[in-house]
Amino acid sequence: MSMSMGNVMDLKITHEKLNGTHYLELVGEVQSYTAPKLKKILVPLSEKTKQDIIIDVEKIDFIDSVGLGVFAGVLRSTKRNNCTLMLRGMSNRVRRLFEVTGLIEMVESSKNKKTIETFA
C-alpha cells in the first residue's frame, strides 16, 4: 500500500507498508494546521496490536506543541498495544524538543540512514 498526501499546509506524508512494517516519511512542518492529517494516519496504526511503525522525520522543518501532542498520543497508544514506534533522522532541533518534553524516553530512535531503505 502506498499513499501520498502532498501539500497539506506544508506537510507531505508518504506511507508504505512493506513486510508488515509501516514506513512513513514526513516532509515539512508538523503544526496546528497539519497535525490532524498526521494524526488521522498514525492513530489507527498505533491502535492495532503489534504493529511496527517507522517514521522518517529527517525532513521535518518545524514541530509545534500540537504536533508534539500527536506524537505523545500515538506513543501512548503504541505502548498500550504492544507496538514499536521508531523515529529516524531526527535533527538536533527535533531531538531537543523530544528531550525537553520527555517523549524521547518513549521513542526508539535511529540516525542510521539505512533504516528505511525505501526512502533512501
C-alpha atoms as a PDB file:
ATOM      1  CA  MET A   1       0.000   0.000   0.000  1.00  0.00           C
ATOM      2  CA  SER A   2       1.411   3.346  -0.962  1.00  0.00           C
ATOM      3  CA  MET A   3      -0.271   6.625  -0.361  1.00  0.00           C
ATOM      4  CA  SER A   4       0.917  10.174  -0.637  1.00  0.00           C
ATOM      5  CA  MET A   5      -0.770  13.299   0.636  1.00  0.00           C
ATOM      6  CA  GLY A   6       1.006  16.275  -0.812  1.00  0.00           C
ATOM      7  CA  ASN A   7       0.957  19.917   0.177  1.00  0.00           C
ATOM      8  CA  VAL A   8      -1.375  19.658   3.141  1.00  0.00           C
ATOM      9  CA  MET A   9      -0.383  23.087   4.514  1.00  0.00           C
ATOM     10  CA  ASP A  10       3.335  22.375   4.219  1.00  0.00           C
ATOM     11  CA  LEU A  11       3.334  18.686   5.241  1.00  0.00           C
ATOM     12  CA  LYS A  12       3.827  15.815   2.861  1.00  0.00           C
ATOM     13  CA  ILE A  13       3.198  12.325   4.241  1.00  0.00           C
ATOM     14  CA  THR A  14       4.283   9.228   2.375  1.00  0.00           C
ATOM     15  CA  HIS A  15       3.096   5.881   3.776  1.00  0.00           C
ATOM     16  CA  GLU A  16       4.090   2.400   2.664  1.00  0.00           C
ATOM     17  CA  LYS A  17       3.610  -0.996   4.239  1.00  0.00           C
ATOM     18  CA  LEU A  18       6.365  -3.496   3.474  1.00  0.00           C
ATOM     19  CA  ASN A  19       6.689  -6.929   5.067  1.00  0.00           C
ATOM     20  CA  GLY A  20       4.277  -5.970   7.842  1.00  0.00           C
ATOM     21  CA  THR A  21       6.115  -2.764   8.794  1.00  0.00           C
ATOM     22  CA  HIS A  22       4.612   0.673   8.228  1.00  0.00           C
ATOM     23  CA  TYR A  23       7.073   3.234   6.874  1.00  0.00           C
ATOM     24  CA  LEU A  24       6.176   6.904   6.870  1.00  0.00           C
ATOM     25  CA  GLU A  25       8.196   9.833   5.609  1.00  0.00           C
ATOM     26  CA  LEU A  26       7.276  13.331   6.750  1.00  0.00           C
ATOM     27  CA  VAL A  27       8.391  16.414   4.843  1.00  0.00           C
ATOM     28  CA  GLY A  28       7.644  19.947   6.022  1.00  0.00           C
ATOM     29  CA  GLU A  29       6.026  21.160   9.223  1.00  0.00           C
ATOM     30  CA  VAL A  30       4.003  19.340  11.881  1.00  0.00           C
ATOM     31  CA  GLN A  31       1.922  22.134  13.383  1.00  0.00           C
ATOM     32  CA  SER A  32      -1.650  23.020  14.282  1.00  0.00           C
ATOM     33  CA  TYR A  33      -2.850  23.016  10.654  1.00  0.00           C
ATOM     34  CA  THR A  34      -1.061  19.838   9.541  1.00  0.00           C
ATOM     35  CA  ALA A  35      -1.123  17.723  12.700  1.00  0.00           C
ATOM     36  CA  PRO A  36      -4.719  16.463  12.180  1.00  0.00           C
ATOM     37  CA  LYS A  37      -3.701  14.805   8.882  1.00  0.00           C
ATOM     38  CA  LEU A  38      -0.776  13.082  10.582  1.00  0.00           C
ATOM     39  CA  LYS A  39      -2.998  12.019  13.470  1.00  0.00           C
ATOM     40  CA  LYS A  40      -5.562  10.582  11.041  1.00  0.00           C
ATOM     41  CA  ILE A  41      -2.907   8.211   9.692  1.00  0.00           C
ATOM     42  CA  LEU A  42      -0.927   7.400  12.848  1.00  0.00           C
ATOM     43  CA  VAL A  43      -3.690   6.801  15.397  1.00  0.00           C
ATOM     44  CA  PRO A  44      -5.318   3.867  13.554  1.00  0.00           C
ATOM     45  CA  LEU A  45      -1.885   2.287  13.014  1.00  0.00           C
ATOM     46  CA  SER A  46      -0.981   2.643  16.692  1.00  0.00           C
ATOM     47  CA  GLU A  47      -4.270   1.092  17.809  1.00  0.00           C
ATOM     48  CA  LYS A  48      -3.589  -2.212  16.047  1.00  0.00           C
ATOM     49  CA  THR A  49      -1.768  -4.788  18.143  1.00  0.00           C
ATOM     50  CA  LYS A  50       1.915  -5.471  17.483  1.00  0.00           C
ATOM     51  CA  GLN A  51       2.435  -3.013  14.634  1.00  0.00           C
ATOM     52  CA  ASP A  52       5.916  -1.842  13.676  1.00  0.00           C
ATOM     53  CA  ILE A  53       5.915   1.812  12.651  1.00  0.00           C
ATOM     54  CA  ILE A  54       8.991   3.667  11.406  1.00  0.00           C
ATOM     55  CA  ILE A  55       8.721   7.390  10.780  1.00  0.00           C
ATOM     56  CA  ASP A  56      11.404   9.272   8.896  1.00  0.00           C
ATOM     57  CA  VAL A  57      11.461  12.805  10.343  1.00  0.00           C
ATOM     58  CA  GLU A  58      14.711  13.914   8.726  1.00  0.00           C
ATOM     59  CA  LYS A  59      12.902  16.440   6.515  1.00  0.00           C
ATOM     60  CA  ILE A  60      10.759  17.958   9.261  1.00  0.00           C
ATOM     61  CA  ASP A  61      11.464  21.691   9.471  1.00  0.00           C
ATOM     62  CA  PHE A  62       9.243  22.523  12.437  1.00  0.00           C
ATOM     63  CA  ILE A  63       7.100  20.876  15.133  1.00  0.00           C
ATOM     64  CA  ASP A  64       4.823  22.881  17.419  1.00  0.00           C
ATOM     65  CA  SER A  65       3.020  21.842  20.608  1.00  0.00           C
ATOM     66  CA  VAL A  66       0.069  20.419  18.653  1.00  0.00           C
ATOM     67  CA  GLY A  67       2.437  18.259  16.595  1.00  0.00           C
ATOM     68  CA  LEU A  68       4.198  17.072  19.754  1.00  0.00           C
ATOM     69  CA  GLY A  69       0.770  16.256  21.186  1.00  0.00           C
ATOM     70  CA  VAL A  70       0.054  13.977  18.218  1.00  0.00           C
ATOM     71  CA  PHE A  71       3.340  12.144  18.765  1.00  0.00           C
ATOM     72  CA  ALA A  72       2.646  11.881  22.531  1.00  0.00           C
ATOM     73  CA  GLY A  73      -0.795  10.363  21.946  1.00  0.00           C
ATOM     74  CA  VAL A  74       0.486   7.932  19.350  1.00  0.00           C
ATOM     75  CA  LEU A  75       3.382   6.913  21.616  1.00  0.00           C
ATOM     76  CA  ARG A  76       0.971   6.137  24.460  1.00  0.00           C
ATOM     77  CA  SER A  77      -1.228   4.142  22.100  1.00  0.00           C
ATOM     78  CA  THR A  78       1.692   2.147  20.701  1.00  0.00           C
ATOM     79  CA  LYS A  79       2.827   1.218  24.207  1.00  0.00           C
ATOM     80  CA  ARG A  80      -0.711   0.095  25.158  1.00  0.00           C
ATOM     81  CA  ASN A  81      -0.988  -2.057  22.044  1.00  0.00           C
ATOM     82  CA  ASN A  82       2.488  -3.590  22.152  1.00  0.00           C
ATOM     83  CA  CYS A  83       3.603  -1.747  19.017  1.00  0.00           C
ATOM     84  CA  THR A  84       7.028  -0.432  18.106  1.00  0.00           C
ATOM     85  CA  LEU A  85       7.450   3.172  17.024  1.00  0.00           C
ATOM     86  CA  MET A  86      10.801   4.363  15.706  1.00  0.00           C
ATOM     87  CA  LEU A  87      11.673   7.867  14.602  1.00  0.00           C
ATOM     88  CA  ARG A  88      14.709   8.102  12.384  1.00  0.00           C
ATOM     89  CA  GLY A  89      16.683  11.042  11.111  1.00  0.00           C
ATOM     90  CA  MET A  90      15.895  13.446  13.956  1.00  0.00           C
ATOM     91  CA  SER A  91      17.690  16.764  13.584  1.00  0.00           C
ATOM     92  CA  ASN A  92      19.274  18.183  16.724  1.00  0.00           C
ATOM     93  CA  ARG A  93      16.409  20.677  16.996  1.00  0.00           C
ATOM     94  CA  VAL A  94      13.697  17.984  16.759  1.00  0.00           C
ATOM     95  CA  ARG A  95      15.627  15.705  19.143  1.00  0.00           C
ATOM     96  CA  ARG A  96      15.864  18.567  21.643  1.00  0.00           C
ATOM     97  CA  LEU A  97      12.065  19.054  21.554  1.00  0.00           C
ATOM     98  CA  PHE A  98      11.571  15.361  22.262  1.00  0.00           C
ATOM     99  CA  GLU A  99      14.133  15.510  25.096  1.00  0.00           C
ATOM    100  CA  VAL A 100      12.624  18.605  26.739  1.00  0.00           C
ATOM    101  CA  THR A 101       9.132  17.092  26.678  1.00  0.00           C
ATOM    102  CA  GLY A 102      10.307  13.677  27.894  1.00  0.00           C
ATOM    103  CA  LEU A 103       8.995  11.982  24.744  1.00  0.00           C
ATOM    104  CA  ILE A 104      12.479  10.803  23.803  1.00  0.00           C
ATOM    105  CA  GLU A 105      12.255   8.185  26.552  1.00  0.00           C
ATOM    106  CA  MET A 106       9.284   6.601  24.780  1.00  0.00           C
ATOM    107  CA  VAL A 107      10.743   6.559  21.270  1.00  0.00           C
ATOM    108  CA  GLU A 108      13.221   4.207  19.720  1.00  0.00           C
ATOM    109  CA  SER A 109      15.349   6.408  17.503  1.00  0.00           C
ATOM    110  CA  SER A 110      17.988   5.815  14.903  1.00  0.00           C
ATOM    111  CA  LYS A 111      20.283   8.050  12.912  1.00  0.00           C
ATOM    112  CA  ASN A 112      21.089   5.150  10.599  1.00  0.00           C
ATOM    113  CA  LYS A 113      20.198   6.216   7.057  1.00  0.00           C
ATOM    114  CA  LYS A 114      19.752   2.580   6.016  1.00  0.00           C
ATOM    115  CA  THR A 115      16.910   2.021   8.488  1.00  0.00           C
ATOM    116  CA  ILE A 116      14.412   2.920   5.787  1.00  0.00           C
ATOM    117  CA  GLU A 117      15.899   1.797   2.527  1.00  0.00           C
ATOM    118  CA  THR A 118      12.737   2.603   0.545  1.00  0.00           C
ATOM    119  CA  PHE A 119      13.176   6.295   1.351  1.00  0.00           C
ATOM    120  CA  ALA A 120      16.931   6.408   0.759  1.00  0.00           C
END
